[in-house]
């Protein structure tokens, strides 16, 4: 979902809920299970979103450090 969001730029309610869930998990506010129930998003979808966004961040962090 992260990849689709980044390529399309579409911020639909499902993407917004997934982003909120991922943020709450990252900030220690909710567990994966709690976020999944609260935002009505499948746990695997949240995990995939977090993984894809982390991969994106790592890619651009490396680019910035290499001066590209």
PDB file of N, CA and C in Angstrom:
ATOM      1  N   UNK A   1       0.818  -1.185   0.000  1.00  0.00           N
ATOM      2  CA  UNK A   1       0.000   0.000   0.000  1.00  0.00           C
ATOM      3  C   UNK A   1       0.872   1.263   0.000  1.00  0.00           C
ATOM      4  N   UNK A   2       1.969   1.251   0.720  1.00  0.00           N
ATOM      5  CA  UNK A   2       2.856   2.423   0.745  1.00  0.00           C
ATOM      6  C   UNK A   2       3.364   2.741  -0.656  1.00  0.00           C
ATOM      7  N   UNK A   3       3.779   1.711  -1.350  1.00  0.00           N
ATOM      8  CA  UNK A   3       4.302   1.898  -2.701  1.00  0.00           C
ATOM      9  C   UNK A   3       3.232   2.503  -3.617  1.00  0.00           C
ATOM     10  N   UNK A   4       2.018   1.983  -3.530  1.00  0.00           N
ATOM     11  CA  UNK A   4       0.920   2.504  -4.345  1.00  0.00           C
ATOM     12  C   UNK A   4       0.625   3.954  -3.977  1.00  0.00           C
ATOM     13  N   UNK A   5       0.661   4.254  -2.683  1.00  0.00           N
ATOM     14  CA  UNK A   5       0.430   5.627  -2.226  1.00  0.00           C
ATOM     15  C   UNK A   5       1.502   6.564  -2.782  1.00  0.00           C
ATOM     16  N   UNK A   6       2.752   6.137  -2.727  1.00  0.00           N
ATOM     17  CA  UNK A   6       3.845   6.995  -3.189  1.00  0.00           C
ATOM     18  C   UNK A   6       3.803   7.210  -4.698  1.00  0.00           C
ATOM     19  N   UNK A   7       3.362   6.210  -5.445  1.00  0.00           N
ATOM     20  CA  UNK A   7       3.335   6.360  -6.896  1.00  0.00           C
ATOM     21  C   UNK A   7       2.077   7.067  -7.385  1.00  0.00           C
ATOM     22  N   UNK A   8       0.965   6.908  -6.683  1.00  0.00           N
ATOM     23  CA  UNK A   8      -0.278   7.536  -7.132  1.00  0.00           C
ATOM     24  C   UNK A   8      -0.559   8.854  -6.420  1.00  0.00           C
ATOM     25  N   UNK A   9      -0.094   8.962  -5.186  1.00  0.00           N
ATOM     26  CA  UNK A   9      -0.353  10.161  -4.396  1.00  0.00           C
ATOM     27  C   UNK A   9      -1.759  10.213  -3.838  1.00  0.00           C
ATOM     28  N   UNK A  10      -2.517   9.146  -4.033  1.00  0.00           N
ATOM     29  CA  UNK A  10      -3.900   9.111  -3.566  1.00  0.00           C
ATOM     30  C   UNK A  10      -3.953   8.830  -2.069  1.00  0.00           C
ATOM     31  N   UNK A  11      -4.578   9.727  -1.350  1.00  0.00           N
ATOM     32  CA  UNK A  11      -4.680   9.596   0.096  1.00  0.00           C
ATOM     33  C   UNK A  11      -6.133   9.275   0.458  1.00  0.00           C
ATOM     34  N   UNK A  12      -6.516   8.019   0.205  1.00  0.00           N
ATOM     35  CA  UNK A  12      -7.882   7.596   0.496  1.00  0.00           C
ATOM     36  C   UNK A  12      -8.014   7.212   1.974  1.00  0.00           C
ATOM     37  N   UNK A  13      -9.235   6.990   2.457  1.00  0.00           N
ATOM     38  CA  UNK A  13      -9.430   6.669   3.880  1.00  0.00           C
ATOM     39  C   UNK A  13      -8.658   5.436   4.357  1.00  0.00           C
ATOM     40  N   UNK A  14      -8.506   4.437   3.493  1.00  0.00           N
ATOM     41  CA  UNK A  14      -7.772   3.234   3.885  1.00  0.00           C
ATOM     42  C   UNK A  14      -6.288   3.553   4.091  1.00  0.00           C
ATOM     43  N   UNK A  15      -5.726   4.351   3.216  1.00  0.00           N
ATOM     44  CA  UNK A  15      -4.322   4.755   3.356  1.00  0.00           C
ATOM     45  C   UNK A  15      -4.152   5.593   4.614  1.00  0.00           C
ATOM     46  N   UNK A  16      -5.057   6.518   4.852  1.00  0.00           N
ATOM     47  CA  UNK A  16      -4.984   7.358   6.051  1.00  0.00           C
ATOM     48  C   UNK A  16      -5.037   6.511   7.314  1.00  0.00           C
ATOM     49  N   UNK A  17      -5.952   5.543   7.354  1.00  0.00           N
ATOM     50  CA  UNK A  17      -6.067   4.677   8.533  1.00  0.00           C
ATOM     51  C   UNK A  17      -4.800   3.854   8.732  1.00  0.00           C
ATOM     52  N   UNK A  18      -4.247   3.360   7.641  1.00  0.00           N
ATOM     53  CA  UNK A  18      -3.026   2.558   7.734  1.00  0.00           C
ATOM     54  C   UNK A  18      -1.860   3.414   8.210  1.00  0.00           C
ATOM     55  N   UNK A  19      -1.774   4.640   7.720  1.00  0.00           N
ATOM     56  CA  UNK A  19      -0.704   5.548   8.167  1.00  0.00           C
ATOM     57  C   UNK A  19      -0.842   5.866   9.656  1.00  0.00           C
ATOM     58  N   UNK A  20      -2.060   6.106  10.104  1.00  0.00           N
ATOM     59  CA  UNK A  20      -2.291   6.385  11.527  1.00  0.00           C
ATOM     60  C   UNK A  20      -1.923   5.174  12.374  1.00  0.00           C
ATOM     61  N   UNK A  21      -2.307   3.992  11.913  1.00  0.00           N
ATOM     62  CA  UNK A  21      -1.996   2.769  12.646  1.00  0.00           C
ATOM     63  C   UNK A  21      -0.483   2.586  12.747  1.00  0.00           C
ATOM     64  N   UNK A  22       0.212   2.759  11.631  1.00  0.00           N
ATOM     65  CA  UNK A  22       1.672   2.597  11.623  1.00  0.00           C
ATOM     66  C   UNK A  22       2.342   3.606  12.547  1.00  0.00           C
ATOM     67  N   UNK A  23       1.850   4.835  12.544  1.00  0.00           N
ATOM     68  CA  UNK A  23       2.406   5.879  13.414  1.00  0.00           C
ATOM     69  C   UNK A  23       2.174   5.556  14.881  1.00  0.00           C
ATOM     70  N   UNK A  24       0.967   5.117  15.209  1.00  0.00           N
ATOM     71  CA  UNK A  24       0.658   4.768  16.598  1.00  0.00           C
ATOM     72  C   UNK A  24       1.508   3.604  17.084  1.00  0.00           C
ATOM     73  N   UNK A  25       1.754   2.653  16.214  1.00  0.00           N
ATOM     74  CA  UNK A  25       2.596   1.508  16.581  1.00  0.00           C
ATOM     75  C   UNK A  25       4.036   1.971  16.785  1.00  0.00           C
ATOM     76  N   UNK A  26       4.538   2.768  15.855  1.00  0.00           N
ATOM     77  CA  UNK A  26       5.924   3.262  15.938  1.00  0.00           C
ATOM     78  C   UNK A  26       6.150   4.112  17.182  1.00  0.00           C
ATOM     79  N   UNK A  27       5.140   4.857  17.589  1.00  0.00           N
ATOM     80  CA  UNK A  27       5.261   5.717  18.771  1.00  0.00           C
ATOM     81  C   UNK A  27       4.944   4.989  20.075  1.00  0.00           C
ATOM     82  N   UNK A  28       4.625   3.716  19.990  1.00  0.00           N
ATOM     83  CA  UNK A  28       4.337   2.925  21.183  1.00  0.00           C
ATOM     84  C   UNK A  28       2.982   3.205  21.802  1.00  0.00           C
ATOM     85  N   UNK A  29       2.115   3.856  21.060  1.00  0.00           N
ATOM     86  CA  UNK A  29       0.781   4.175  21.576  1.00  0.00           C
ATOM     87  C   UNK A  29      -0.110   2.938  21.565  1.00  0.00           C
ATOM     88  N   UNK A  30      -0.010   2.144  20.492  1.00  0.00           N
ATOM     89  CA  UNK A  30      -0.833   0.946  20.338  1.00  0.00           C
ATOM     90  C   UNK A  30       0.032  -0.237  19.913  1.00  0.00           C
ATOM     91  N   UNK A  31      -0.435  -1.416  20.224  1.00  0.00           N
ATOM     92  CA  UNK A  31       0.194  -2.622  19.690  1.00  0.00           C
ATOM     93  C   UNK A  31      -0.365  -2.845  18.284  1.00  0.00           C
ATOM     94  N   UNK A  32       0.242  -3.745  17.550  1.00  0.00           N
ATOM     95  CA  UNK A  32      -0.244  -4.075  16.212  1.00  0.00           C
ATOM     96  C   UNK A  32      -1.693  -4.558  16.277  1.00  0.00           C
ATOM     97  N   UNK A  33      -1.957  -5.397  17.217  1.00  0.00           N
ATOM     98  CA  UNK A  33      -3.314  -5.951  17.378  1.00  0.00           C
ATOM     99  C   UNK A  33      -4.323  -4.842  17.683  1.00  0.00           C
ATOM    100  N   UNK A  34      -3.977  -3.946  18.601  1.00  0.00           N
ATOM    101  CA  UNK A  34      -4.878  -2.847  18.969  1.00  0.00           C
ATOM    102  C   UNK A  34      -5.115  -1.902  17.790  1.00  0.00           C
ATOM    103  N   UNK A  35      -4.044  -1.569  17.079  1.00  0.00           N
ATOM    104  CA  UNK A  35      -4.167  -0.664  15.928  1.00  0.00           C
ATOM    105  C   UNK A  35      -5.020  -1.293  14.835  1.00  0.00           C
ATOM    106  N   UNK A  36      -4.834  -2.571  14.621  1.00  0.00           N
ATOM    107  CA  UNK A  36      -5.619  -3.277  13.613  1.00  0.00           C
ATOM    108  C   UNK A  36      -7.112  -3.208  13.929  1.00  0.00           C
ATOM    109  N   UNK A  37      -7.448  -3.430  15.176  1.00  0.00           N
ATOM    110  CA  UNK A  37      -8.855  -3.372  15.583  1.00  0.00           C
ATOM    111  C   UNK A  37      -9.397  -1.947  15.545  1.00  0.00           C
ATOM    112  N   UNK A  38      -8.633  -0.994  16.057  1.00  0.00           N
ATOM    113  CA  UNK A  38      -9.094   0.385  16.133  1.00  0.00           C
ATOM    114  C   UNK A  38      -9.340   0.988  14.752  1.00  0.00           C
ATOM    115  N   UNK A  39      -8.408   0.768  13.837  1.00  0.00           N
ATOM    116  CA  UNK A  39      -8.500   1.375  12.513  1.00  0.00           C
ATOM    117  C   UNK A  39      -9.130   0.451  11.460  1.00  0.00           C
ATOM    118  N   UNK A  40      -9.500  -0.758  11.880  1.00  0.00           N
ATOM    119  CA  UNK A  40     -10.145  -1.734  10.998  1.00  0.00           C
ATOM    120  C   UNK A  40      -9.287  -2.026   9.758  1.00  0.00           C
ATOM    121  N   UNK A  41      -8.016  -2.278  10.015  1.00  0.00           N
ATOM    122  CA  UNK A  41      -7.043  -2.590   8.961  1.00  0.00           C
ATOM    123  C   UNK A  41      -6.389  -3.922   9.337  1.00  0.00           C
ATOM    124  N   UNK A  42      -6.219  -4.795   8.357  1.00  0.00           N
ATOM    125  CA  UNK A  42      -5.595  -6.097   8.609  1.00  0.00           C
ATOM    126  C   UNK A  42      -4.165  -5.918   9.122  1.00  0.00           C
ATOM    127  N   UNK A  43      -3.780  -6.766  10.068  1.00  0.00           N
ATOM    128  CA  UNK A  43      -2.441  -6.672  10.649  1.00  0.00           C
ATOM    129  C   UNK A  43      -1.354  -6.808   9.589  1.00  0.00           C
ATOM    130  N   UNK A  44      -1.533  -7.738   8.649  1.00  0.00           N
ATOM    131  CA  UNK A  44      -0.504  -7.924   7.628  1.00  0.00           C
ATOM    132  C   UNK A  44      -0.382  -6.705   6.715  1.00  0.00           C
ATOM    133  N   UNK A  45      -1.458  -5.997   6.517  1.00  0.00           N
ATOM    134  CA  UNK A  45      -1.420  -4.778   5.708  1.00  0.00           C
ATOM    135  C   UNK A  45      -0.621  -3.680   6.415  1.00  0.00           C
ATOM    136  N   UNK A  46      -0.793  -3.582   7.730  1.00  0.00           N
ATOM    137  CA  UNK A  46      -0.040  -2.600   8.509  1.00  0.00           C
ATOM    138  C   UNK A  46       1.444  -2.950   8.495  1.00  0.00           C
ATOM    139  N   UNK A  47       1.753  -4.217   8.695  1.00  0.00           N
ATOM    140  CA  UNK A  47       3.153  -4.668   8.701  1.00  0.00           C
ATOM    141  C   UNK A  47       3.804  -4.397   7.344  1.00  0.00           C
ATOM    142  N   UNK A  48       3.091  -4.695   6.271  1.00  0.00           N
ATOM    143  CA  UNK A  48       3.627  -4.455   4.926  1.00  0.00           C
ATOM    144  C   UNK A  48       3.860  -2.961   4.703  1.00  0.00           C
ATOM    145  N   UNK A  49       2.937  -2.129   5.162  1.00  0.00           N
ATOM    146  CA  UNK A  49       3.081  -0.679   5.023  1.00  0.00           C
ATOM    147  C   UNK A  49       4.322  -0.195   5.768  1.00  0.00           C
ATOM    148  N   UNK A  50       4.510  -0.667   6.989  1.00  0.00           N
ATOM    149  CA  UNK A  50       5.672  -0.280   7.792  1.00  0.00           C
ATOM    150  C   UNK A  50       6.958  -0.739   7.113  1.00  0.00           C
ATOM    151  N   UNK A  51       6.971  -1.964   6.607  1.00  0.00           N
ATOM    152  CA  UNK A  51       8.163  -2.496   5.944  1.00  0.00           C
ATOM    153  C   UNK A  51       8.505  -1.694   4.689  1.00  0.00           C
ATOM    154  N   UNK A  52       7.496  -1.398   3.871  1.00  0.00           N
ATOM    155  CA  UNK A  52       7.734  -0.646   2.638  1.00  0.00           C
ATOM    156  C   UNK A  52       8.198   0.786   2.933  1.00  0.00           C
ATOM    157  N   UNK A  53       7.604   1.411   3.934  1.00  0.00           N
ATOM    158  CA  UNK A  53       8.013   2.779   4.251  1.00  0.00           C
ATOM    159  C   UNK A  53       9.424   2.803   4.845  1.00  0.00           C
ATOM    160  N   UNK A  54       9.772   1.781   5.622  1.00  0.00           N
ATOM    161  CA  UNK A  54      11.130   1.689   6.172  1.00  0.00           C
ATOM    162  C   UNK A  54      12.155   1.480   5.064  1.00  0.00           C
ATOM    163  N   UNK A  55      11.808   0.635   4.100  1.00  0.00           N
ATOM    164  CA  UNK A  55      12.693   0.397   2.962  1.00  0.00           C
ATOM    165  C   UNK A  55      12.900   1.690   2.173  1.00  0.00           C
ATOM    166  N   UNK A  56      11.851   2.435   1.969  1.00  0.00           N
ATOM    167  CA  UNK A  56      11.918   3.726   1.274  1.00  0.00           C
ATOM    168  C   UNK A  56      12.837   4.683   2.018  1.00  0.00           C
ATOM    169  N   UNK A  57      12.650   4.772   3.340  1.00  0.00           N
ATOM    170  CA  UNK A  57      13.481   5.659   4.157  1.00  0.00           C
ATOM    171  C   UNK A  57      14.951   5.265   4.094  1.00  0.00           C
ATOM    172  N   UNK A  58      15.229   3.961   4.170  1.00  0.00           N
ATOM    173  CA  UNK A  58      16.616   3.495   4.126  1.00  0.00           C
ATOM    174  C   UNK A  58      17.250   3.820   2.782  1.00  0.00           C
ATOM    175  N   UNK A  59      16.512   3.656   1.716  1.00  0.00           N
ATOM    176  CA  UNK A  59      17.022   3.945   0.374  1.00  0.00           C
ATOM    177  C   UNK A  59      17.421   5.416   0.261  1.00  0.00           C
ATOM    178  N   UNK A  60      16.564   6.302   0.710  1.00  0.00           N
ATOM    179  CA  UNK A  60      16.855   7.718   0.589  1.00  0.00           C
ATOM    180  C   UNK A  60      17.877   8.194   1.614  1.00  0.00           C
ATOM    181  N   UNK A  61      17.962   7.541   2.758  1.00  0.00           N
ATOM    182  CA  UNK A  61      19.018   7.865   3.716  1.00  0.00           C
ATOM    183  C   UNK A  61      20.383   7.546   3.114  1.00  0.00           C
ATOM    184  N   UNK A  62      20.484   6.412   2.444  1.00  0.00           N
ATOM    185  CA  UNK A  62      21.741   6.016   1.804  1.00  0.00           C
ATOM    186  C   UNK A  62      22.102   6.974   0.678  1.00  0.00           C
ATOM    187  N   UNK A  63      21.106   7.371  -0.091  1.00  0.00           N
ATOM    188  CA  UNK A  63      21.346   8.316  -1.193  1.00  0.00           C
ATOM    189  C   UNK A  63      21.878   9.639  -0.660  1.00  0.00           C
ATOM    190  N   UNK A  64      21.263  10.116   0.425  1.00  0.00           N
ATOM    191  CA  UNK A  64      21.686  11.392   1.021  1.00  0.00           C
ATOM    192  C   UNK A  64      23.117  11.297   1.548  1.00  0.00           C
ATOM    193  N   UNK A  65      23.464  10.189   2.147  1.00  0.00           N
ATOM    194  CA  UNK A  65      24.810  10.023   2.709  1.00  0.00           C
ATOM    195  C   UNK A  65      25.864   9.891   1.626  1.00  0.00           C
ATOM    196  N   UNK A  66      25.456   9.375   0.465  1.00  0.00           N
ATOM    197  CA  UNK A  66      26.403   9.207  -0.645  1.00  0.00           C
ATOM    198  C   UNK A  66      26.432  10.443  -1.556  1.00  0.00           C
ATOM    199  N   UNK A  67      25.645  11.448  -1.231  1.00  0.00           N
ATOM    200  CA  UNK A  67      25.657  12.685  -1.992  1.00  0.00           C
ATOM    201  C   UNK A  67      24.993  12.601  -3.347  1.00  0.00           C
ATOM    202  N   UNK A  68      24.044  11.691  -3.497  1.00  0.00           N
ATOM    203  CA  UNK A  68      23.347  11.548  -4.790  1.00  0.00           C
ATOM    204  C   UNK A  68      21.957  12.110  -4.715  1.00  0.00           C
TER     205      UNK A  68
END
